Amino acid sequence: MSQKLVLYLCLLLLILVVVVRSSNKRPHSFADKLREVLSRRATSVASLFLLSSPSLSIASTSTGASTTAAAAQVTSVQFSNLDESAEFIQKHCTKILQAARQSGKLLYRGEPSLTGLSAALISSDGDLLDVDTYNERKLDANDASPQAKFGSLVANYFESLDAAITSNPKPSTSHLATGSIMEASKWGPVASVWPVDALDFAYLKNEKTWWNDDYSTPQSSNRAPLFWRQEELLAKFLHDELKTNFCLDLALEAEKEIMFSSNVLAAAGNVDPKFYPLLLKARANRQLFVAVPILQTSKLLTLLDISPRDVTIRVGTSRRKTKDEELEESFEDIRSLRDKYMRL
């Protein structure tokens, strides 16, 4: 009897300690807020189970250090198969999915963190303000080469945009993707990307990409060199060019370079509990999106019921292309890149 009494007393003391700590703790960090959201849908026991689940493959990598910003961290969870990734996209990436269905075009990104042929849910830091994003090597403080100056200019350009843009998406917490496969291939192995809902996006009305090499040269015919360093010129540029959360399907169809932001905390309550371990690893400035290797695109389009569209009329005829012809031309770029990425 005495042993049972001691056991009960110890248990009661433990409960009191937990209650006191809980009552004194007020969440301030992003992780605390995220755990509050997640706790409404899953118990701590379930979370521990998921963390040890063999069906999940959780990887964390760094894409390199920077002299001006922290190393870009990438955390990912691989899907077990393409069907599972398609189901996730249909449930949690409805905004980009609707635009893809309307335009018949996909959003692409060079994604070095993606390995093999498995799709993945990726959470990563924005790197648009990082000099190393635009340089093939680190920027030496004493390096006066054109390449080093180029990286500094582009990073400075996005820093100026970040200070001037007042609404999401902002360069400091965003990624770039494009409707062009060839443009995306300049930055790494190509994948179609599917930002989760709570998506903000922006693009430039008359420019296909956010950065133009002419911006840094005196020969630029459209804008004054280094215009972003002059407040009035930058304000006019954004007033004339910036399109925010407007007609995503048209931006895809025009193969625009799109800046997107998909806040992890905003999406946390809407994501399947299977992916909670990934979300718990994420920080407030990270973005959440699905990445599917380009070699899986054909099957993915079928699973998502997307029909690629090409409204170009055949030369010398008055008929539109058949569906088979559309598919053949839509995947021509994919096949041309197949050998290249299979060697990576």
Foldseek 3Di string as FASTA:
>chain_A
DVVVVVVVVVVVVVVVVVVVVVVPDDDDFPLVLLVVLCCVPDPPVVVVVLVPDPQWDWDKDWPDQFPVDGTKIKIKIWDNDLLVVLVQCVQWQVVQLVLCQVQLFFKKAADAVDDDQTKIKMKIFQCQLGLVQQAPDYQDPPDPDPRNVVSNLRNVLLVLQQVVDDDPPHRRQKYKIWRDQVVRPVRHQMWGKGFTPVKKKKFWDPDQEPDDPLLQDCPNPPDHRPLSVPVVSVVVRCVRTIDMPPSPSVNSNVGGIMIMAHFLSVCSNRGDPSCVVVSSVHHGSITIIMTGGLVCVVVSCVSSVHQRDDQDDDPPDDDGDDSVVRVVVVCPVVVVCVVVVVVD
